[in-house]
N, C-alpha and C. Protein backbone atom coordinates (compact mmCIF):
# COMPACT_ATOMS: atom_id res chain seq x y z
N MET A 1 0.84 -1.18 0.00
CA MET A 1 0.00 0.00 0.00
C MET A 1 0.88 1.24 0.00
N THR A 2 0.63 2.12 -0.93
CA THR A 2 1.43 3.32 -1.06
C THR A 2 0.63 4.53 -0.60
N ASN A 3 1.22 5.29 0.28
CA ASN A 3 0.59 6.54 0.71
C ASN A 3 1.16 7.67 -0.12
N SER A 4 0.30 8.55 -0.55
CA SER A 4 0.81 9.71 -1.29
C SER A 4 0.40 10.98 -0.56
N VAL A 5 1.25 11.92 -0.62
CA VAL A 5 1.01 13.22 0.01
C VAL A 5 1.04 14.27 -1.07
N GLU A 6 -0.02 15.06 -1.13
CA GLU A 6 -0.05 16.15 -2.10
C GLU A 6 0.64 17.37 -1.50
N THR A 7 1.47 17.98 -2.28
CA THR A 7 2.14 19.20 -1.84
C THR A 7 1.89 20.30 -2.85
N PHE A 8 2.10 21.52 -2.42
CA PHE A 8 2.01 22.63 -3.35
C PHE A 8 3.09 23.64 -3.01
N SER A 9 3.44 24.42 -3.97
CA SER A 9 4.47 25.44 -3.80
C SER A 9 3.81 26.81 -3.81
N LEU A 10 4.15 27.63 -2.84
CA LEU A 10 3.61 28.99 -2.81
C LEU A 10 4.00 29.75 -4.07
N ASN A 11 5.20 29.47 -4.59
CA ASN A 11 5.67 30.17 -5.78
C ASN A 11 4.91 29.78 -7.04
N GLU A 12 4.31 28.59 -7.05
CA GLU A 12 3.63 28.11 -8.25
C GLU A 12 2.12 28.29 -8.19
N THR A 13 1.62 28.87 -7.11
CA THR A 13 0.18 29.07 -6.95
C THR A 13 -0.25 30.33 -7.69
N ALA A 14 -1.39 30.26 -8.36
CA ALA A 14 -1.95 31.44 -9.04
C ALA A 14 -2.81 32.19 -8.03
N TRP A 15 -2.30 33.31 -7.55
CA TRP A 15 -3.00 34.10 -6.54
C TRP A 15 -3.97 35.08 -7.19
N GLN A 16 -5.09 35.33 -6.51
CA GLN A 16 -6.03 36.36 -6.96
C GLN A 16 -5.41 37.75 -6.80
N GLY A 17 -4.63 37.90 -5.73
CA GLY A 17 -3.97 39.17 -5.47
C GLY A 17 -4.67 40.01 -4.42
N ILE A 18 -4.12 41.17 -4.19
CA ILE A 18 -4.63 42.14 -3.23
C ILE A 18 -5.09 43.36 -4.01
N THR A 19 -6.27 43.87 -3.69
CA THR A 19 -6.81 45.06 -4.34
C THR A 19 -6.64 46.25 -3.42
N ILE A 20 -6.15 47.35 -3.95
CA ILE A 20 -6.01 48.60 -3.20
C ILE A 20 -7.02 49.58 -3.78
N THR A 21 -7.97 50.03 -2.95
CA THR A 21 -8.96 51.00 -3.44
C THR A 21 -8.30 52.35 -3.67
N GLU A 22 -8.99 53.23 -4.38
CA GLU A 22 -8.45 54.58 -4.62
C GLU A 22 -8.22 55.32 -3.32
N ARG A 23 -9.14 55.19 -2.35
CA ARG A 23 -8.97 55.87 -1.04
C ARG A 23 -7.75 55.34 -0.31
N ALA A 24 -7.57 54.02 -0.34
CA ALA A 24 -6.40 53.43 0.32
C ALA A 24 -5.12 53.85 -0.39
N ALA A 25 -5.14 53.89 -1.72
CA ALA A 25 -3.96 54.30 -2.48
C ALA A 25 -3.58 55.73 -2.13
N ALA A 26 -4.56 56.62 -2.02
CA ALA A 26 -4.28 58.02 -1.68
C ALA A 26 -3.63 58.11 -0.30
N GLN A 27 -4.12 57.34 0.66
CA GLN A 27 -3.55 57.38 2.01
C GLN A 27 -2.15 56.75 2.04
N ILE A 28 -1.96 55.67 1.31
CA ILE A 28 -0.63 55.05 1.25
C ILE A 28 0.37 56.03 0.64
N LEU A 29 -0.03 56.74 -0.41
CA LEU A 29 0.85 57.74 -1.03
C LEU A 29 1.21 58.84 -0.04
N LYS A 30 0.24 59.30 0.76
CA LYS A 30 0.52 60.31 1.79
C LYS A 30 1.56 59.80 2.77
N LEU A 31 1.39 58.56 3.21
CA LEU A 31 2.34 57.98 4.16
C LEU A 31 3.72 57.83 3.53
N MET A 32 3.75 57.46 2.25
CA MET A 32 5.04 57.33 1.56
C MET A 32 5.73 58.68 1.43
N GLN A 33 4.95 59.74 1.19
CA GLN A 33 5.52 61.09 1.09
C GLN A 33 6.05 61.56 2.44
N GLN A 34 5.37 61.18 3.53
CA GLN A 34 5.82 61.55 4.87
C GLN A 34 7.05 60.75 5.29
N ASN A 35 7.28 59.62 4.66
CA ASN A 35 8.42 58.74 4.95
C ASN A 35 9.17 58.47 3.66
N PRO A 36 9.93 59.46 3.16
CA PRO A 36 10.55 59.33 1.84
C PRO A 36 11.52 58.15 1.70
N GLN A 37 12.04 57.64 2.80
CA GLN A 37 12.96 56.49 2.73
C GLN A 37 12.21 55.18 2.53
N SER A 38 10.89 55.20 2.68
CA SER A 38 10.13 53.96 2.57
C SER A 38 9.82 53.62 1.11
N GLU A 39 9.65 52.32 0.88
CA GLU A 39 9.28 51.82 -0.44
C GLU A 39 7.77 51.68 -0.56
N GLY A 40 7.08 51.72 0.58
CA GLY A 40 5.63 51.56 0.61
C GLY A 40 5.20 50.95 1.92
N LEU A 41 4.06 50.29 1.92
CA LEU A 41 3.54 49.64 3.11
C LEU A 41 3.67 48.13 2.99
N TYR A 42 3.85 47.50 4.12
CA TYR A 42 3.96 46.04 4.24
C TYR A 42 2.66 45.54 4.85
N LEU A 43 2.07 44.52 4.25
CA LEU A 43 0.88 43.88 4.80
C LEU A 43 1.19 42.41 5.01
N GLY A 44 1.24 42.02 6.27
CA GLY A 44 1.51 40.63 6.61
C GLY A 44 0.47 40.11 7.59
N VAL A 45 0.68 38.90 8.07
CA VAL A 45 -0.22 38.25 9.00
C VAL A 45 0.61 37.65 10.12
N LYS A 46 0.10 37.73 11.35
CA LYS A 46 0.76 37.08 12.48
C LYS A 46 -0.30 36.41 13.34
N GLN A 47 0.10 35.41 14.10
CA GLN A 47 -0.82 34.80 15.05
C GLN A 47 -1.07 35.82 16.14
N SER A 48 -2.36 36.11 16.38
CA SER A 48 -2.67 37.18 17.32
C SER A 48 -4.14 37.16 17.67
N GLY A 49 -4.45 37.69 18.84
CA GLY A 49 -5.83 37.94 19.22
C GLY A 49 -6.64 36.69 19.49
N CYS A 50 -7.90 36.93 19.80
CA CYS A 50 -8.78 35.83 20.19
C CYS A 50 -9.31 35.03 19.01
N ALA A 51 -9.23 35.58 17.79
CA ALA A 51 -9.74 34.86 16.62
C ALA A 51 -8.65 34.10 15.88
N GLY A 52 -7.39 34.33 16.22
CA GLY A 52 -6.32 33.53 15.63
C GLY A 52 -5.24 34.28 14.88
N PHE A 53 -5.62 35.25 14.02
CA PHE A 53 -4.64 35.95 13.21
C PHE A 53 -4.91 37.45 13.24
N GLY A 54 -3.84 38.21 13.13
CA GLY A 54 -3.96 39.66 13.03
C GLY A 54 -3.14 40.16 11.86
N TYR A 55 -3.48 41.34 11.39
CA TYR A 55 -2.75 41.95 10.29
C TYR A 55 -1.54 42.71 10.83
N VAL A 56 -0.45 42.67 10.09
CA VAL A 56 0.72 43.50 10.35
C VAL A 56 0.74 44.51 9.21
N PHE A 57 0.69 45.78 9.56
CA PHE A 57 0.59 46.83 8.54
C PHE A 57 1.55 47.94 8.95
N GLU A 58 2.66 48.07 8.22
CA GLU A 58 3.68 49.04 8.61
C GLU A 58 4.48 49.49 7.39
N MET A 59 5.17 50.60 7.56
CA MET A 59 6.03 51.11 6.49
C MET A 59 7.18 50.13 6.28
N VAL A 60 7.62 50.01 5.03
CA VAL A 60 8.74 49.11 4.72
C VAL A 60 9.80 49.90 3.95
N ASN A 61 11.03 49.82 4.43
CA ASN A 61 12.15 50.49 3.76
C ASN A 61 12.89 49.57 2.81
N ASP A 62 12.91 48.29 3.15
CA ASP A 62 13.69 47.32 2.37
C ASP A 62 12.88 46.04 2.21
N PRO A 63 12.01 45.98 1.20
CA PRO A 63 11.19 44.78 1.03
C PRO A 63 12.03 43.54 0.78
N ALA A 64 11.52 42.40 1.22
CA ALA A 64 12.21 41.13 1.00
C ALA A 64 12.11 40.75 -0.48
N PRO A 65 13.10 40.01 -0.98
CA PRO A 65 13.10 39.63 -2.40
C PRO A 65 11.87 38.82 -2.83
N ASP A 66 11.29 38.05 -1.89
CA ASP A 66 10.12 37.24 -2.27
C ASP A 66 8.79 37.91 -1.92
N ASP A 67 8.81 39.17 -1.47
CA ASP A 67 7.56 39.89 -1.24
C ASP A 67 6.88 40.15 -2.58
N LEU A 68 5.57 40.01 -2.59
CA LEU A 68 4.78 40.34 -3.78
C LEU A 68 4.43 41.82 -3.72
N LEU A 69 4.48 42.50 -4.84
CA LEU A 69 4.19 43.93 -4.90
C LEU A 69 2.85 44.14 -5.57
N TYR A 70 1.97 44.86 -4.88
CA TYR A 70 0.68 45.29 -5.45
C TYR A 70 0.69 46.80 -5.45
N GLU A 71 0.23 47.38 -6.55
CA GLU A 71 0.37 48.82 -6.74
C GLU A 71 -0.91 49.41 -7.33
N ASN A 72 -1.23 50.63 -6.90
CA ASN A 72 -2.34 51.38 -7.47
C ASN A 72 -1.95 52.85 -7.44
N GLU A 73 -1.87 53.47 -8.60
CA GLU A 73 -1.55 54.90 -8.71
C GLU A 73 -0.25 55.27 -8.01
N GLY A 74 0.72 54.36 -8.01
CA GLY A 74 2.01 54.62 -7.38
C GLY A 74 2.08 54.23 -5.91
N ALA A 75 0.95 53.85 -5.32
CA ALA A 75 0.93 53.39 -3.93
C ALA A 75 1.36 51.93 -3.92
N CYS A 76 2.42 51.63 -3.18
CA CYS A 76 3.01 50.29 -3.18
C CYS A 76 2.68 49.53 -1.90
N LEU A 77 2.21 48.31 -2.06
CA LEU A 77 1.88 47.44 -0.95
C LEU A 77 2.65 46.13 -1.14
N TYR A 78 3.51 45.82 -0.17
CA TYR A 78 4.34 44.61 -0.22
C TYR A 78 3.73 43.55 0.68
N VAL A 79 3.58 42.35 0.15
CA VAL A 79 2.97 41.24 0.88
C VAL A 79 3.92 40.05 0.83
N PRO A 80 4.29 39.50 2.00
CA PRO A 80 5.16 38.32 1.96
C PRO A 80 4.41 37.13 1.36
N LEU A 81 5.10 36.36 0.58
CA LEU A 81 4.50 35.20 -0.08
C LEU A 81 3.82 34.28 0.92
N LYS A 82 4.42 34.09 2.09
CA LYS A 82 3.86 33.17 3.08
C LYS A 82 2.53 33.66 3.66
N ALA A 83 2.18 34.94 3.48
CA ALA A 83 0.91 35.46 3.99
C ALA A 83 -0.24 35.24 3.01
N MET A 84 0.07 34.96 1.76
CA MET A 84 -0.97 34.88 0.73
C MET A 84 -2.05 33.83 1.00
N PRO A 85 -1.74 32.66 1.56
CA PRO A 85 -2.83 31.71 1.83
C PRO A 85 -3.88 32.27 2.80
N PHE A 86 -3.50 33.27 3.60
CA PHE A 86 -4.41 33.84 4.59
C PHE A 86 -5.14 35.09 4.09
N ILE A 87 -4.55 35.81 3.13
CA ILE A 87 -5.15 37.09 2.73
C ILE A 87 -5.36 37.25 1.23
N ASP A 88 -5.15 36.20 0.46
CA ASP A 88 -5.36 36.29 -0.98
C ASP A 88 -6.79 36.73 -1.28
N GLY A 89 -6.95 37.68 -2.16
CA GLY A 89 -8.27 38.19 -2.53
C GLY A 89 -8.74 39.36 -1.68
N THR A 90 -7.92 39.79 -0.72
CA THR A 90 -8.31 40.88 0.18
C THR A 90 -8.33 42.22 -0.54
N GLU A 91 -9.31 43.04 -0.18
CA GLU A 91 -9.38 44.43 -0.64
C GLU A 91 -8.95 45.31 0.53
N VAL A 92 -7.98 46.19 0.28
CA VAL A 92 -7.53 47.15 1.29
C VAL A 92 -8.22 48.47 0.98
N ASP A 93 -8.95 49.00 1.97
CA ASP A 93 -9.68 50.25 1.80
C ASP A 93 -9.28 51.20 2.93
N PHE A 94 -9.62 52.46 2.78
CA PHE A 94 -9.39 53.46 3.82
C PHE A 94 -10.72 54.14 4.04
N VAL A 95 -11.28 53.98 5.23
CA VAL A 95 -12.65 54.42 5.49
C VAL A 95 -12.74 55.32 6.72
N ARG A 96 -13.83 56.07 6.77
CA ARG A 96 -14.13 56.89 7.95
C ARG A 96 -15.13 56.12 8.80
N GLU A 97 -14.79 55.95 10.07
CA GLU A 97 -15.69 55.33 11.04
C GLU A 97 -15.85 56.31 12.19
N GLY A 98 -16.97 57.03 12.18
CA GLY A 98 -17.16 58.08 13.18
C GLY A 98 -16.16 59.19 12.94
N LEU A 99 -15.38 59.52 13.96
CA LEU A 99 -14.36 60.56 13.85
C LEU A 99 -13.03 60.03 13.35
N ASN A 100 -12.91 58.72 13.27
CA ASN A 100 -11.64 58.09 12.90
C ASN A 100 -11.62 57.69 11.43
N GLN A 101 -10.43 57.67 10.88
CA GLN A 101 -10.19 57.12 9.55
C GLN A 101 -9.21 55.97 9.72
N ILE A 102 -9.55 54.83 9.13
CA ILE A 102 -8.72 53.63 9.32
C ILE A 102 -8.62 52.84 8.02
N PHE A 103 -7.55 52.04 7.93
CA PHE A 103 -7.46 51.06 6.86
C PHE A 103 -8.38 49.90 7.24
N LYS A 104 -9.12 49.42 6.26
CA LYS A 104 -10.03 48.29 6.48
C LYS A 104 -9.67 47.19 5.50
N PHE A 105 -9.66 45.96 5.99
CA PHE A 105 -9.29 44.81 5.18
C PHE A 105 -10.54 43.96 4.94
N ASN A 106 -10.99 43.90 3.71
CA ASN A 106 -12.13 43.07 3.34
C ASN A 106 -11.57 41.75 2.81
N ASN A 107 -11.43 40.80 3.73
CA ASN A 107 -10.75 39.54 3.45
C ASN A 107 -11.77 38.42 3.24
N PRO A 108 -11.89 37.90 2.03
CA PRO A 108 -12.86 36.83 1.77
C PRO A 108 -12.52 35.52 2.47
N LYS A 109 -11.29 35.37 2.92
CA LYS A 109 -10.89 34.14 3.60
C LYS A 109 -11.24 34.17 5.09
N ALA A 110 -11.48 35.35 5.64
CA ALA A 110 -11.81 35.49 7.06
C ALA A 110 -13.23 34.98 7.30
N GLN A 111 -13.34 33.91 8.05
CA GLN A 111 -14.65 33.33 8.33
C GLN A 111 -15.29 33.96 9.56
N HIS A 112 -14.47 34.49 10.46
CA HIS A 112 -14.99 35.17 11.63
C HIS A 112 -13.94 36.15 12.15
N ALA A 113 -14.40 37.12 12.92
CA ALA A 113 -13.51 38.11 13.52
C ALA A 113 -13.86 38.22 14.99
N CYS A 114 -12.91 38.68 15.78
CA CYS A 114 -13.21 38.87 17.19
C CYS A 114 -14.09 40.11 17.35
N GLY A 115 -14.67 40.27 18.50
CA GLY A 115 -15.57 41.38 18.76
C GLY A 115 -14.93 42.74 18.61
N CYS A 116 -13.65 42.85 18.94
CA CYS A 116 -12.98 44.15 18.85
C CYS A 116 -12.48 44.44 17.44
N GLY A 117 -12.50 43.45 16.55
CA GLY A 117 -12.08 43.65 15.17
C GLY A 117 -10.59 43.62 14.95
N GLU A 118 -9.83 43.24 15.97
CA GLU A 118 -8.37 43.23 15.86
C GLU A 118 -7.81 41.95 15.26
N SER A 119 -8.61 40.88 15.24
CA SER A 119 -8.09 39.63 14.70
C SER A 119 -9.18 38.90 13.92
N PHE A 120 -8.75 37.90 13.14
CA PHE A 120 -9.67 37.15 12.30
C PHE A 120 -9.28 35.68 12.30
N GLY A 121 -10.21 34.84 11.92
CA GLY A 121 -9.96 33.40 11.81
C GLY A 121 -10.36 32.91 10.43
N ILE A 122 -9.68 31.85 9.99
CA ILE A 122 -10.00 31.29 8.67
C ILE A 122 -10.41 29.83 8.82
């Protein structure tokens, strides 16, 4: 009896990608102008919170060679290849919620989120 194990390579997967809305692109460009040494924003995933995963969203000066680049109107978003199984197909938006303006992640892979909105589960 032979057991077989199916494997896949992150490099060979056809990703849907990350969408950056016009509002998010405008805000990313503002942040890039305020931080001229940066190449753009980094969007990653880490184990965090009560739902399992949280987003890492920060300026990046030196993107990794295997980071995927998504761009809209010159706004650059770098995503590590290892994060794609968790956030592929996500739309990054910049919205007003009450008096605050925040980046919002519309992630089709997120099946649930914690009550505070800081983490998500797949």
